[in-house]
Amino acid sequence: MGSTTGIHAVSVMLEALNRDAQHATIAKFIQNELDAEREKVALLHQQGSQQAELLREQGAQQFELLRQQQAAAGGSMHSRRPETLKIDISK
């Protein structure tokens, strides 16, 4: 019922204006609504960009950590020289 009362109140206010003022008022209302929606879209776009950047950074950090782990594991394996078996066959 509240929205019906609001609609009726707006209708009464618009009827009190001449035709040009009615059009200007409606156009201004629509423009304000459009501006508000554009602000929401811009904010969502900004949040999406920030999330994408965070994901890129996390991916780069994970890649670097994995690279370091592999380098450490590879380095420990290759740092030891294989031992050779010496046999004295002169006896």
C-alpha atoms as a PDB file:
ATOM      1  CA  MET A   1       0.000   0.000   0.000  1.00  0.00           C
ATOM      2  CA  GLY A   2       2.937   2.336   0.674  1.00  0.00           C
ATOM      3  CA  SER A   3       4.151   2.099  -2.904  1.00  0.00           C
ATOM      4  CA  THR A   4       0.646   2.885  -4.195  1.00  0.00           C
ATOM      5  CA  THR A   5       0.588   5.983  -2.000  1.00  0.00           C
ATOM      6  CA  GLY A   6       4.023   6.983  -3.309  1.00  0.00           C
ATOM      7  CA  ILE A   7       2.955   6.510  -6.907  1.00  0.00           C
ATOM      8  CA  HIS A   8      -0.179   8.574  -6.290  1.00  0.00           C
ATOM      9  CA  ALA A   9       1.866  11.353  -4.625  1.00  0.00           C
ATOM     10  CA  VAL A  10       4.289  11.497  -7.566  1.00  0.00           C
ATOM     11  CA  SER A  11       1.389  11.546 -10.001  1.00  0.00           C
ATOM     12  CA  VAL A  12      -0.249  14.456  -8.152  1.00  0.00           C
ATOM     13  CA  MET A  13       3.046  16.404  -8.104  1.00  0.00           C
ATOM     14  CA  LEU A  14       3.610  15.837 -11.824  1.00  0.00           C
ATOM     15  CA  GLU A  15       0.036  16.867 -12.661  1.00  0.00           C
ATOM     16  CA  ALA A  16       0.671  20.168 -10.887  1.00  0.00           C
ATOM     17  CA  LEU A  17       3.427  20.950 -13.428  1.00  0.00           C
ATOM     18  CA  ASN A  18       3.002  22.046 -17.018  1.00  0.00           C
ATOM     19  CA  ARG A  19       3.852  19.554 -19.755  1.00  0.00           C
ATOM     20  CA  ASP A  20       7.438  20.788 -20.310  1.00  0.00           C
ATOM     21  CA  ALA A  21       8.165  20.725 -16.576  1.00  0.00           C
ATOM     22  CA  GLN A  22       6.730  17.205 -16.358  1.00  0.00           C
ATOM     23  CA  HIS A  23       9.048  16.022 -19.129  1.00  0.00           C
ATOM     24  CA  ALA A  24      12.037  17.769 -17.558  1.00  0.00           C
ATOM     25  CA  THR A  25      11.276  16.242 -14.143  1.00  0.00           C
ATOM     26  CA  ILE A  26      10.888  12.748 -15.570  1.00  0.00           C
ATOM     27  CA  ALA A  27      14.063  13.133 -17.651  1.00  0.00           C
ATOM     28  CA  LYS A  28      16.001  14.313 -14.590  1.00  0.00           C
ATOM     29  CA  PHE A  29      14.729  11.358 -12.560  1.00  0.00           C
ATOM     30  CA  ILE A  30      15.726   8.891 -15.273  1.00  0.00           C
ATOM     31  CA  GLN A  31      19.148  10.539 -15.626  1.00  0.00           C
ATOM     32  CA  ASN A  32      19.725  10.300 -11.857  1.00  0.00           C
ATOM     33  CA  GLU A  33      18.780   6.609 -11.900  1.00  0.00           C
ATOM     34  CA  LEU A  34      21.083   6.008 -14.866  1.00  0.00           C
ATOM     35  CA  ASP A  35      23.977   7.795 -13.142  1.00  0.00           C
ATOM     36  CA  ALA A  36      23.464   5.707  -9.998  1.00  0.00           C
ATOM     37  CA  GLU A  37      23.510   2.480 -12.022  1.00  0.00           C
ATOM     38  CA  ARG A  38      26.649   3.587 -13.885  1.00  0.00           C
ATOM     39  CA  GLU A  39      28.360   4.208 -10.540  1.00  0.00           C
ATOM     40  CA  LYS A  40      27.438   0.684  -9.434  1.00  0.00           C
ATOM     41  CA  VAL A  41      28.827  -0.779 -12.658  1.00  0.00           C
ATOM     42  CA  ALA A  42      32.045   1.228 -12.309  1.00  0.00           C
ATOM     43  CA  LEU A  43      32.452   0.017  -8.727  1.00  0.00           C
ATOM     44  CA  LEU A  44      31.857  -3.599  -9.740  1.00  0.00           C
ATOM     45  CA  HIS A  45      34.375  -3.227 -12.569  1.00  0.00           C
ATOM     46  CA  GLN A  46      36.944  -1.782 -10.158  1.00  0.00           C
ATOM     47  CA  GLN A  47      36.377  -4.623  -7.683  1.00  0.00           C
ATOM     48  CA  GLY A  48      36.718  -7.175 -10.479  1.00  0.00           C
ATOM     49  CA  SER A  49      39.991  -5.615 -11.607  1.00  0.00           C
ATOM     50  CA  GLN A  50      41.329  -5.653  -8.053  1.00  0.00           C
ATOM     51  CA  GLN A  51      40.374  -9.309  -7.627  1.00  0.00           C
ATOM     52  CA  ALA A  52      42.023 -10.207 -10.935  1.00  0.00           C
ATOM     53  CA  GLU A  53      45.215  -8.417  -9.870  1.00  0.00           C
ATOM     54  CA  LEU A  54      45.214 -10.262  -6.530  1.00  0.00           C
ATOM     55  CA  LEU A  55      44.796 -13.576  -8.325  1.00  0.00           C
ATOM     56  CA  ARG A  56      47.693 -12.734 -10.665  1.00  0.00           C
ATOM     57  CA  GLU A  57      49.890 -11.855  -7.697  1.00  0.00           C
ATOM     58  CA  GLN A  58      48.930 -15.039  -5.842  1.00  0.00           C
ATOM     59  CA  GLY A  59      49.636 -17.107  -8.943  1.00  0.00           C
ATOM     60  CA  ALA A  60      53.041 -15.463  -9.359  1.00  0.00           C
ATOM     61  CA  GLN A  61      53.864 -16.088  -5.693  1.00  0.00           C
ATOM     62  CA  GLN A  62      52.817 -19.728  -5.935  1.00  0.00           C
ATOM     63  CA  PHE A  63      54.855 -20.158  -9.105  1.00  0.00           C
ATOM     64  CA  GLU A  64      57.931 -18.600  -7.468  1.00  0.00           C
ATOM     65  CA  LEU A  65      57.533 -20.774  -4.369  1.00  0.00           C
ATOM     66  CA  LEU A  66      57.227 -23.900  -6.499  1.00  0.00           C
ATOM     67  CA  ARG A  67      60.267 -22.861  -8.549  1.00  0.00           C
ATOM     68  CA  GLN A  68      62.289 -22.340  -5.371  1.00  0.00           C
ATOM     69  CA  GLN A  69      61.174 -25.691  -3.953  1.00  0.00           C
ATOM     70  CA  GLN A  70      62.117 -27.461  -7.167  1.00  0.00           C
ATOM     71  CA  ALA A  71      65.475 -25.684  -7.278  1.00  0.00           C
ATOM     72  CA  ALA A  72      66.172 -26.657  -3.670  1.00  0.00           C
ATOM     73  CA  ALA A  73      65.167 -30.271  -4.302  1.00  0.00           C
ATOM     74  CA  GLY A  74      67.178 -30.409  -7.522  1.00  0.00           C
ATOM     75  CA  GLY A  75      70.190 -28.784  -5.912  1.00  0.00           C
ATOM     76  CA  SER A  76      70.307 -31.277  -3.055  1.00  0.00           C
ATOM     77  CA  MET A  77      70.160 -34.208  -5.460  1.00  0.00           C
ATOM     78  CA  HIS A  78      72.900 -32.946  -7.732  1.00  0.00           C
ATOM     79  CA  SER A  79      75.208 -31.607  -5.056  1.00  0.00           C
ATOM     80  CA  ARG A  80      76.433 -35.078  -4.146  1.00  0.00           C
ATOM     81  CA  ARG A  81      78.867 -36.679  -6.528  1.00  0.00           C
ATOM     82  CA  PRO A  82      78.329 -40.327  -7.252  1.00  0.00           C
ATOM     83  CA  GLU A  83      80.836 -42.556  -5.517  1.00  0.00           C
ATOM     84  CA  THR A  84      82.936 -44.820  -7.675  1.00  0.00           C
ATOM     85  CA  LEU A  85      83.902 -48.308  -6.724  1.00  0.00           C
ATOM     86  CA  LYS A  86      87.620 -48.969  -6.958  1.00  0.00           C
ATOM     87  CA  ILE A  87      88.702 -52.559  -7.354  1.00  0.00           C
ATOM     88  CA  ASP A  88      92.290 -53.609  -7.239  1.00  0.00           C
ATOM     89  CA  ILE A  89      92.590 -56.292  -9.917  1.00  0.00           C
ATOM     90  CA  SER A  90      96.354 -56.633  -9.712  1.00  0.00           C
ATOM     91  CA  LYS A  91      96.184 -59.362  -7.059  1.00  0.00           C
END
